[in-house]
N, C-alpha and C. Protein backbone atom coordinates (compact mmCIF):
# COMPACT_ATOMS: atom_id res chain seq x y z
N MET A 1 1.00 -0.96 -0.20
CA MET A 1 0.29 0.43 -0.07
C MET A 1 0.88 1.27 0.02
N MET A 2 1.82 1.13 0.61
CA MET A 2 2.94 2.04 0.67
C MET A 2 3.84 2.86 -0.78
N GLN A 3 3.98 1.40 -1.77
CA GLN A 3 4.27 2.17 -3.10
C GLN A 3 3.36 2.16 -3.39
N LEU A 4 2.23 1.89 -3.46
CA LEU A 4 1.18 2.76 -4.16
C LEU A 4 1.24 4.68 -3.90
N GLY A 5 1.11 4.46 -2.54
CA GLY A 5 0.83 5.60 -2.39
C GLY A 5 2.20 6.68 -2.67
N ARG A 6 3.30 5.84 -2.45
CA ARG A 6 4.32 6.73 -3.12
C ARG A 6 4.34 6.88 -4.72
N LYS A 7 4.24 5.93 -5.45
CA LYS A 7 3.92 6.45 -6.65
C LYS A 7 3.24 7.34 -7.05
N LEU A 8 1.73 7.49 -6.35
CA LEU A 8 0.76 8.03 -6.68
C LEU A 8 1.59 9.88 -6.36
N PHE A 9 2.04 9.55 -5.28
CA PHE A 9 2.68 11.24 -4.77
C PHE A 9 3.76 11.54 -6.35
N LYS A 10 4.88 10.49 -6.49
CA LYS A 10 5.48 10.93 -7.82
C LYS A 10 4.72 11.75 -8.65
N ILE A 11 3.50 10.72 -9.29
CA ILE A 11 2.97 10.88 -10.27
C ILE A 11 2.23 12.46 -10.34
N MET A 12 1.86 13.19 -9.01
CA MET A 12 1.38 14.53 -8.83
C MET A 12 2.29 15.36 -9.27
N ALA A 13 3.44 15.09 -8.08
CA ALA A 13 4.21 15.97 -8.13
C ALA A 13 5.03 16.33 -9.49
N VAL A 14 5.69 15.04 -10.42
CA VAL A 14 5.65 15.32 -11.59
C VAL A 14 4.94 16.31 -12.72
N LEU A 15 3.41 15.95 -12.47
CA LEU A 15 1.87 16.49 -12.99
C LEU A 15 2.33 17.94 -12.69
N PHE A 16 2.14 18.49 -11.26
CA PHE A 16 2.11 19.79 -10.85
C PHE A 16 3.56 20.49 -11.06
N GLY A 17 4.95 19.91 -11.36
CA GLY A 17 6.22 20.32 -11.42
C GLY A 17 5.98 20.41 -12.93
N THR A 18 5.04 19.96 -14.01
CA THR A 18 5.41 20.36 -14.96
C THR A 18 4.23 21.24 -15.54
N LEU A 19 3.25 21.10 -14.82
CA LEU A 19 2.21 22.34 -15.19
C LEU A 19 2.36 24.03 -14.92
N PHE A 20 3.37 23.35 -13.58
CA PHE A 20 4.06 25.06 -13.07
C PHE A 20 4.70 25.81 -14.15
N TYR A 21 6.05 24.21 -14.55
CA TYR A 21 6.37 24.92 -15.62
C TYR A 21 5.81 25.71 -16.95
N PHE A 22 4.87 24.99 -17.25
CA PHE A 22 4.17 26.00 -18.41
C PHE A 22 3.57 27.07 -18.00
N TYR A 23 3.37 27.18 -16.57
CA TYR A 23 2.75 28.69 -16.24
C TYR A 23 3.62 29.55 -16.13
N ILE A 24 5.07 29.11 -15.86
CA ILE A 24 6.62 30.06 -15.80
C ILE A 24 6.92 29.92 -17.37
N ALA A 25 6.60 29.26 -18.10
CA ALA A 25 7.22 30.06 -19.54
C ALA A 25 5.91 29.97 -20.29
N GLY A 26 5.28 30.60 -19.59
CA GLY A 26 3.91 31.54 -20.55
C GLY A 26 3.10 30.64 -21.30
N ILE A 27 2.76 29.34 -21.13
CA ILE A 27 2.06 28.51 -21.39
C ILE A 27 0.74 28.62 -21.37
N ASN A 28 -0.43 28.88 -21.87
CA ASN A 28 -1.99 28.59 -21.29
C ASN A 28 -2.00 26.75 -20.78
N ILE A 29 -2.41 27.09 -19.72
CA ILE A 29 -2.23 25.95 -18.46
C ILE A 29 -4.01 25.15 -18.86
N GLY A 30 -4.92 26.41 -18.76
CA GLY A 30 -6.14 26.08 -19.53
C GLY A 30 -6.24 24.80 -20.84
N ALA A 31 -5.46 25.46 -20.98
CA ALA A 31 -5.59 25.04 -22.85
C ALA A 31 -4.99 23.19 -22.95
N VAL A 32 -3.44 23.39 -22.01
CA VAL A 32 -3.28 21.83 -22.01
C VAL A 32 -4.04 21.15 -21.39
N LEU A 33 -4.62 21.67 -20.09
CA LEU A 33 -5.62 20.78 -19.58
C LEU A 33 -7.02 20.49 -20.59
N THR A 34 -7.65 21.07 -21.30
CA THR A 34 -8.23 20.96 -22.09
C THR A 34 -8.23 19.78 -23.17
N VAL A 35 -6.62 20.31 -23.49
CA VAL A 35 -6.11 19.04 -24.63
C VAL A 35 -5.56 17.74 -24.09
N LEU A 36 -5.60 17.18 -22.48
CA LEU A 36 -5.40 16.10 -21.88
C LEU A 36 -6.54 15.62 -21.45
N GLY A 37 -7.94 16.48 -21.36
CA GLY A 37 -9.04 15.77 -21.01
C GLY A 37 -9.58 15.29 -22.77
N SER A 38 -9.17 16.23 -23.68
CA SER A 38 -9.51 15.56 -24.66
C SER A 38 -8.85 14.21 -25.29
N VAL A 39 -7.55 13.54 -25.19
CA VAL A 39 -7.04 12.78 -25.01
C VAL A 39 -7.93 11.94 -24.15
N ALA A 40 -7.67 12.27 -23.13
CA ALA A 40 -8.19 11.29 -21.96
C ALA A 40 -10.01 10.23 -22.31
N LEU A 41 -10.31 11.67 -22.78
CA LEU A 41 -11.78 11.07 -23.64
C LEU A 41 -11.69 10.47 -24.98
N ALA A 42 -10.82 10.72 -25.75
CA ALA A 42 -10.62 9.43 -26.78
C ALA A 42 -10.02 8.30 -26.78
N ASN A 43 -8.97 8.42 -25.55
CA ASN A 43 -8.62 6.90 -25.40
C ASN A 43 -9.71 6.43 -24.61
N ALA A 44 -10.50 6.57 -23.71
CA ALA A 44 -11.72 6.01 -22.77
C ALA A 44 -12.51 5.61 -24.40
N PHE A 45 -13.20 6.27 -25.26
CA PHE A 45 -13.99 5.88 -26.18
C PHE A 45 -13.50 4.47 -27.16
N ALA A 46 -11.94 4.91 -27.34
CA ALA A 46 -11.29 3.68 -27.88
C ALA A 46 -11.27 2.55 -27.21
N ALA A 47 -11.11 2.22 -25.58
CA ALA A 47 -10.69 1.38 -25.29
C ALA A 47 -12.30 0.55 -24.59
N GLN A 48 -13.18 1.16 -24.92
CA GLN A 48 -14.59 1.36 -24.31
C GLN A 48 -15.03 -0.70 -24.61
N LYS A 49 -14.77 -0.99 -26.12
CA LYS A 49 -15.31 -2.32 -26.58
C LYS A 49 -14.24 -3.19 -26.26
N THR A 50 -12.96 -2.50 -25.59
CA THR A 50 -11.81 -3.90 -25.26
C THR A 50 -11.92 -4.42 -23.24
N LEU A 51 -12.33 -2.95 -23.37
CA LEU A 51 -12.70 -3.31 -21.85
C LEU A 51 -13.77 -3.85 -21.36
N GLU A 52 -15.22 -3.76 -22.32
CA GLU A 52 -16.31 -4.77 -22.68
C GLU A 52 -16.06 -5.85 -22.74
N ASN A 53 -15.17 -6.34 -23.51
CA ASN A 53 -14.45 -7.89 -24.08
C ASN A 53 -14.30 -8.54 -23.12
N LEU A 54 -13.16 -7.46 -22.15
CA LEU A 54 -12.52 -8.43 -20.81
C LEU A 54 -13.29 -8.65 -19.87
N TRP A 55 -14.43 -7.85 -19.61
CA TRP A 55 -15.42 -7.90 -18.35
C TRP A 55 -16.56 -8.84 -18.92
N ARG A 56 -16.40 -9.29 -20.29
CA ARG A 56 -17.79 -10.58 -20.35
C ARG A 56 -16.81 -11.49 -20.43
N TYR A 57 -15.55 -11.71 -20.92
CA TYR A 57 -14.56 -12.94 -20.63
C TYR A 57 -14.23 -12.84 -18.56
N TYR A 58 -14.53 -12.50 -18.04
CA TYR A 58 -14.06 -12.65 -16.58
C TYR A 58 -15.59 -12.64 -16.24
N GLU A 59 -16.61 -12.14 -16.78
CA GLU A 59 -17.76 -12.76 -16.36
C GLU A 59 -17.96 -14.15 -16.70
N HIS A 60 -17.67 -14.83 -17.96
CA HIS A 60 -17.86 -16.38 -18.06
C HIS A 60 -16.93 -17.27 -17.31
N LEU A 61 -15.57 -16.57 -17.04
CA LEU A 61 -15.02 -17.57 -16.15
C LEU A 61 -15.61 -17.40 -14.82
N ARG A 62 -16.50 -16.97 -14.10
CA ARG A 62 -16.54 -16.81 -12.98
C ARG A 62 -18.06 -17.86 -13.31
N SER A 63 -18.65 -17.79 -14.41
CA SER A 63 -19.73 -18.57 -13.87
C SER A 63 -19.58 -19.72 -14.62
N THR A 64 -18.37 -19.76 -14.75
CA THR A 64 -17.69 -21.90 -15.10
C THR A 64 -17.14 -22.04 -13.75
N CYS A 65 -16.83 -21.56 -12.86
CA CYS A 65 -15.91 -22.08 -11.85
C CYS A 65 -17.09 -22.29 -11.10
N PRO A 66 -16.40 -23.48 -10.09
CA PRO A 66 -17.31 -23.86 -8.99
C PRO A 66 -17.49 -23.17 -8.21
N ARG A 67 -19.50 -23.22 -7.70
CA ARG A 67 -20.37 -22.06 -7.20
C ARG A 67 -20.15 -21.06 -7.64
N GLY A 68 -19.77 -20.83 -8.98
CA GLY A 68 -20.44 -19.68 -9.94
C GLY A 68 -18.82 -18.25 -9.28
N ARG A 69 -17.72 -18.31 -8.64
CA ARG A 69 -16.64 -17.84 -8.77
C ARG A 69 -15.42 -17.89 -8.71
N LEU A 70 -14.36 -16.99 -8.67
CA LEU A 70 -13.13 -17.52 -8.72
C LEU A 70 -12.60 -18.80 -7.52
N LEU A 71 -12.13 -18.99 -7.16
CA LEU A 71 -11.33 -19.97 -6.45
C LEU A 71 -10.47 -19.19 -5.62
N PRO A 72 -10.81 -19.15 -4.18
CA PRO A 72 -9.49 -18.56 -3.41
C PRO A 72 -8.17 -19.03 -3.34
N GLY A 73 -7.08 -17.94 -3.85
CA GLY A 73 -5.97 -18.03 -4.53
C GLY A 73 -5.46 -18.01 -5.58
N ARG A 74 -6.28 -18.48 -6.25
CA ARG A 74 -6.30 -18.43 -7.98
C ARG A 74 -6.07 -16.55 -8.42
N ARG A 75 -5.43 -17.02 -9.51
CA ARG A 75 -5.58 -15.80 -10.39
C ARG A 75 -5.98 -15.82 -11.77
N LEU A 76 -6.44 -14.63 -11.83
CA LEU A 76 -7.58 -14.41 -13.46
C LEU A 76 -6.35 -14.09 -14.14
N THR A 77 -6.11 -15.30 -15.18
CA THR A 77 -5.26 -14.82 -15.97
C THR A 77 -5.75 -15.11 -17.88
N VAL A 78 -5.45 -14.39 -18.33
CA VAL A 78 -5.87 -14.77 -19.98
C VAL A 78 -5.00 -15.16 -20.69
N PRO A 79 -4.98 -15.96 -21.42
CA PRO A 79 -4.63 -16.30 -22.59
C PRO A 79 -4.22 -15.70 -24.21
N LEU A 80 -3.08 -16.04 -24.10
CA LEU A 80 -2.87 -14.86 -25.43
C LEU A 80 -3.40 -15.66 -26.83
């Protein structure tokens, strides 16, 4: 859990540092955030079908396992 916190802290520090650098350089931060939001939305729409297929595969595995759930201690693996 601490590793996750450290990674999130590092990501946030880099993000705020980059935004501060843009501010000092005179770049419009609102425009940068708008572009990043648009890119994130485009990625979400592009990944929508893939995530739906992964969820259906997971549900299929759950329905075929004994008692309708994954066994304790087992990991969900996707064959390539």
